[in-house]
Amino acid sequence: MGLSPQEVMGLSIFEYLAALDAVCEESEGDKKLSATEKDELWEWLSSG
């Protein structure tokens, strides 16, 4: 997020959620899992 712990603690809830939303929007291109990640996730889910 690029903020120090002190800066985060100084934010209001609204400011924190707005910053979090901005970070999420930046990484939207990474939403799909690779085939390897899908297989690993399925193995983990199946083992439980």
PDB file of N, CA and C in Angstrom:
ATOM      1  N   MET A   1       0.836  -1.171   0.000  1.00  0.00           N
ATOM      2  CA  MET A   1       0.000   0.000   0.000  1.00  0.00           C
ATOM      3  C   MET A   1       0.885   1.240   0.000  1.00  0.00           C
ATOM      4  N   GLY A   2       2.092   1.116   0.437  1.00  0.00           N
ATOM      5  CA  GLY A   2       3.010   2.241   0.409  1.00  0.00           C
ATOM      6  C   GLY A   2       2.898   3.180   1.595  1.00  0.00           C
ATOM      7  N   LEU A   3       2.198   2.765   2.634  1.00  0.00           N
ATOM      8  CA  LEU A   3       2.055   3.602   3.825  1.00  0.00           C
ATOM      9  C   LEU A   3       2.749   2.946   5.009  1.00  0.00           C
ATOM     10  N   SER A   4       3.344   3.762   5.852  1.00  0.00           N
ATOM     11  CA  SER A   4       3.972   3.224   7.059  1.00  0.00           C
ATOM     12  C   SER A   4       2.873   2.874   8.064  1.00  0.00           C
ATOM     13  N   PRO A   5       3.173   2.044   9.048  1.00  0.00           N
ATOM     14  CA  PRO A   5       2.175   1.737  10.076  1.00  0.00           C
ATOM     15  C   PRO A   5       1.652   2.991  10.777  1.00  0.00           C
ATOM     16  N   GLN A   6       2.510   3.962  10.988  1.00  0.00           N
ATOM     17  CA  GLN A   6       2.089   5.199  11.639  1.00  0.00           C
ATOM     18  C   GLN A   6       1.094   5.962  10.769  1.00  0.00           C
ATOM     19  N   GLU A   7       1.357   5.973   9.463  1.00  0.00           N
ATOM     20  CA  GLU A   7       0.439   6.653   8.544  1.00  0.00           C
ATOM     21  C   GLU A   7      -0.915   5.946   8.503  1.00  0.00           C
ATOM     22  N   VAL A   8      -0.889   4.621   8.484  1.00  0.00           N
ATOM     23  CA  VAL A   8      -2.137   3.853   8.462  1.00  0.00           C
ATOM     24  C   VAL A   8      -2.946   4.134   9.717  1.00  0.00           C
ATOM     25  N   MET A   9      -2.290   4.161  10.863  1.00  0.00           N
ATOM     26  CA  MET A   9      -3.001   4.414  12.118  1.00  0.00           C
ATOM     27  C   MET A   9      -3.593   5.823  12.162  1.00  0.00           C
ATOM     28  N   GLY A  10      -3.037   6.746  11.394  1.00  0.00           N
ATOM     29  CA  GLY A  10      -3.528   8.114  11.375  1.00  0.00           C
ATOM     30  C   GLY A  10      -4.685   8.331  10.411  1.00  0.00           C
ATOM     31  N   LEU A  11      -4.998   7.315   9.602  1.00  0.00           N
ATOM     32  CA  LEU A  11      -6.073   7.458   8.629  1.00  0.00           C
ATOM     33  C   LEU A  11      -7.435   7.217   9.266  1.00  0.00           C
ATOM     34  N   SER A  12      -8.437   7.869   8.706  1.00  0.00           N
ATOM     35  CA  SER A  12      -9.810   7.548   9.103  1.00  0.00           C
ATOM     36  C   SER A  12     -10.187   6.243   8.392  1.00  0.00           C
ATOM     37  N   ILE A  13     -11.268   5.635   8.799  1.00  0.00           N
ATOM     38  CA  ILE A  13     -11.737   4.408   8.139  1.00  0.00           C
ATOM     39  C   ILE A  13     -11.974   4.685   6.654  1.00  0.00           C
ATOM     40  N   PHE A  14     -12.607   5.809   6.343  1.00  0.00           N
ATOM     41  CA  PHE A  14     -12.893   6.168   4.959  1.00  0.00           C
ATOM     42  C   PHE A  14     -11.597   6.282   4.153  1.00  0.00           C
ATOM     43  N   GLU A  15     -10.591   6.964   4.700  1.00  0.00           N
ATOM     44  CA  GLU A  15      -9.319   7.132   3.992  1.00  0.00           C
ATOM     45  C   GLU A  15      -8.631   5.792   3.784  1.00  0.00           C
ATOM     46  N   TYR A  16      -8.661   4.938   4.802  1.00  0.00           N
ATOM     47  CA  TYR A  16      -8.028   3.624   4.694  1.00  0.00           C
ATOM     48  C   TYR A  16      -8.711   2.782   3.611  1.00  0.00           C
ATOM     49  N   LEU A  17     -10.050   2.753   3.623  1.00  0.00           N
ATOM     50  CA  LEU A  17     -10.779   1.961   2.633  1.00  0.00           C
ATOM     51  C   LEU A  17     -10.573   2.511   1.221  1.00  0.00           C
ATOM     52  N   ALA A  18     -10.463   3.815   1.078  1.00  0.00           N
ATOM     53  CA  ALA A  18     -10.200   4.416  -0.232  1.00  0.00           C
ATOM     54  C   ALA A  18      -8.809   4.009  -0.731  1.00  0.00           C
ATOM     55  N   ALA A  19      -7.817   4.022   0.144  1.00  0.00           N
ATOM     56  CA  ALA A  19      -6.468   3.610  -0.232  1.00  0.00           C
ATOM     57  C   ALA A  19      -6.434   2.130  -0.580  1.00  0.00           C
ATOM     58  N   LEU A  20      -7.135   1.322   0.184  1.00  0.00           N
ATOM     59  CA  LEU A  20      -7.204  -0.115  -0.076  1.00  0.00           C
ATOM     60  C   LEU A  20      -7.871  -0.378  -1.416  1.00  0.00           C
ATOM     61  N   ASP A  21      -8.939   0.345  -1.721  1.00  0.00           N
ATOM     62  CA  ASP A  21      -9.634   0.204  -2.994  1.00  0.00           C
ATOM     63  C   ASP A  21      -8.709   0.558  -4.151  1.00  0.00           C
ATOM     64  N   ALA A  22      -7.911   1.592  -3.997  1.00  0.00           N
ATOM     65  CA  ALA A  22      -6.976   1.993  -5.045  1.00  0.00           C
ATOM     66  C   ALA A  22      -5.940   0.910  -5.297  1.00  0.00           C
ATOM     67  N   VAL A  23      -5.447   0.291  -4.245  1.00  0.00           N
ATOM     68  CA  VAL A  23      -4.465  -0.786  -4.391  1.00  0.00           C
ATOM     69  C   VAL A  23      -5.105  -1.980  -5.099  1.00  0.00           C
ATOM     70  N   CYS A  24      -6.329  -2.297  -4.755  1.00  0.00           N
ATOM     71  CA  CYS A  24      -7.033  -3.416  -5.384  1.00  0.00           C
ATOM     72  C   CYS A  24      -7.268  -3.160  -6.864  1.00  0.00           C
ATOM     73  N   GLU A  25      -7.604  -1.928  -7.225  1.00  0.00           N
ATOM     74  CA  GLU A  25      -7.831  -1.591  -8.625  1.00  0.00           C
ATOM     75  C   GLU A  25      -6.550  -1.710  -9.442  1.00  0.00           C
ATOM     76  N   GLU A  26      -5.409  -1.409  -8.835  1.00  0.00           N
ATOM     77  CA  GLU A  26      -4.128  -1.493  -9.531  1.00  0.00           C
ATOM     78  C   GLU A  26      -3.784  -2.929  -9.895  1.00  0.00           C
ATOM     79  N   SER A  27      -4.207  -3.878  -9.079  1.00  0.00           N
ATOM     80  CA  SER A  27      -3.816  -5.267  -9.294  1.00  0.00           C
ATOM     81  C   SER A  27      -4.925  -6.107  -9.915  1.00  0.00           C
ATOM     82  N   GLU A  28      -5.915  -5.478 -10.551  1.00  0.00           N
ATOM     83  CA  GLU A  28      -7.028  -6.228 -11.114  1.00  0.00           C
ATOM     84  C   GLU A  28      -6.606  -7.127 -12.268  1.00  0.00           C
ATOM     85  N   GLY A  29      -5.510  -6.839 -12.926  1.00  0.00           N
ATOM     86  CA  GLY A  29      -5.058  -7.678 -14.027  1.00  0.00           C
ATOM     87  C   GLY A  29      -4.582  -9.037 -13.573  1.00  0.00           C
ATOM     88  N   ASP A  30      -4.321  -9.204 -12.295  1.00  0.00           N
ATOM     89  CA  ASP A  30      -3.788 -10.450 -11.756  1.00  0.00           C
ATOM     90  C   ASP A  30      -4.878 -11.356 -11.207  1.00  0.00           C
ATOM     91  N   LYS A  31      -6.122 -11.187 -11.610  1.00  0.00           N
ATOM     92  CA  LYS A  31      -7.225 -11.906 -10.976  1.00  0.00           C
ATOM     93  C   LYS A  31      -7.271 -13.392 -11.306  1.00  0.00           C
ATOM     94  N   LYS A  32      -6.837 -13.791 -12.485  1.00  0.00           N
ATOM     95  CA  LYS A  32      -6.952 -15.191 -12.880  1.00  0.00           C
ATOM     96  C   LYS A  32      -5.817 -16.026 -12.299  1.00  0.00           C
ATOM     97  N   LEU A  33      -6.174 -17.230 -11.877  1.00  0.00           N
ATOM     98  CA  LEU A  33      -5.168 -18.168 -11.370  1.00  0.00           C
ATOM     99  C   LEU A  33      -4.521 -18.891 -12.539  1.00  0.00           C
ATOM    100  N   SER A  34      -3.260 -19.201 -12.379  1.00  0.00           N
ATOM    101  CA  SER A  34      -2.585 -20.009 -13.387  1.00  0.00           C
ATOM    102  C   SER A  34      -3.041 -21.448 -13.223  1.00  0.00           C
ATOM    103  N   ALA A  35      -2.724 -22.290 -14.180  1.00  0.00           N
ATOM    104  CA  ALA A  35      -3.110 -23.697 -14.105  1.00  0.00           C
ATOM    105  C   ALA A  35      -2.474 -24.360 -12.886  1.00  0.00           C
ATOM    106  N   THR A  36      -1.229 -24.006 -12.584  1.00  0.00           N
ATOM    107  CA  THR A  36      -0.543 -24.558 -11.424  1.00  0.00           C
ATOM    108  C   THR A  36      -1.228 -24.123 -10.137  1.00  0.00           C
ATOM    109  N   GLU A  37      -1.582 -22.850 -10.054  1.00  0.00           N
ATOM    110  CA  GLU A  37      -2.276 -22.348  -8.861  1.00  0.00           C
ATOM    111  C   GLU A  37      -3.630 -23.028  -8.683  1.00  0.00           C
ATOM    112  N   LYS A  38      -4.344 -23.253  -9.772  1.00  0.00           N
ATOM    113  CA  LYS A  38      -5.635 -23.950  -9.704  1.00  0.00           C
ATOM    114  C   LYS A  38      -5.452 -25.365  -9.162  1.00  0.00           C
ATOM    115  N   ASP A  39      -4.438 -26.062  -9.689  1.00  0.00           N
ATOM    116  CA  ASP A  39      -4.178 -27.430  -9.237  1.00  0.00           C
ATOM    117  C   ASP A  39      -3.805 -27.470  -7.761  1.00  0.00           C
ATOM    118  N   GLU A  40      -2.948 -26.546  -7.332  1.00  0.00           N
ATOM    119  CA  GLU A  40      -2.535 -26.502  -5.926  1.00  0.00           C
ATOM    120  C   GLU A  40      -3.717 -26.170  -5.015  1.00  0.00           C
ATOM    121  N   LEU A  41      -4.563 -25.257  -5.448  1.00  0.00           N
ATOM    122  CA  LEU A  41      -5.736 -24.898  -4.661  1.00  0.00           C
ATOM    123  C   LEU A  41      -6.694 -26.082  -4.556  1.00  0.00           C
ATOM    124  N   TRP A  42      -6.910 -26.791  -5.662  1.00  0.00           N
ATOM    125  CA  TRP A  42      -7.796 -27.943  -5.643  1.00  0.00           C
ATOM    126  C   TRP A  42      -7.244 -29.042  -4.722  1.00  0.00           C
ATOM    127  N   GLU A  43      -5.943 -29.282  -4.777  1.00  0.00           N
ATOM    128  CA  GLU A  43      -5.332 -30.285  -3.894  1.00  0.00           C
ATOM    129  C   GLU A  43      -5.517 -29.899  -2.437  1.00  0.00           C
ATOM    130  N   TRP A  44      -5.317 -28.616  -2.125  1.00  0.00           N
ATOM    131  CA  TRP A  44      -5.470 -28.163  -0.737  1.00  0.00           C
ATOM    132  C   TRP A  44      -6.910 -28.293  -0.283  1.00  0.00           C
ATOM    133  N   LEU A  45      -7.848 -27.908  -1.128  1.00  0.00           N
ATOM    134  CA  LEU A  45      -9.269 -28.006  -0.768  1.00  0.00           C
ATOM    135  C   LEU A  45      -9.714 -29.459  -0.609  1.00  0.00           C
ATOM    136  N   SER A  46      -9.185 -30.327  -1.444  1.00  0.00           N
ATOM    137  CA  SER A  46      -9.570 -31.738  -1.414  1.00  0.00           C
ATOM    138  C   SER A  46      -8.980 -32.484  -0.220  1.00  0.00           C
ATOM    139  N   SER A  47      -7.846 -31.996   0.277  1.00  0.00           N
ATOM    140  CA  SER A  47      -7.163 -32.696   1.372  1.00  0.00           C
ATOM    141  C   SER A  47      -7.813 -32.445   2.715  1.00  0.00           C
ATOM    142  N   GLY A  48      -8.629 -31.408   2.837  1.00  0.00           N
ATOM    143  CA  GLY A  48      -9.204 -31.010   4.122  1.00  0.00           C
ATOM    144  C   GLY A  48     -10.397 -31.781   4.469  1.00  0.00           C
TER     145      GLY A  48
END
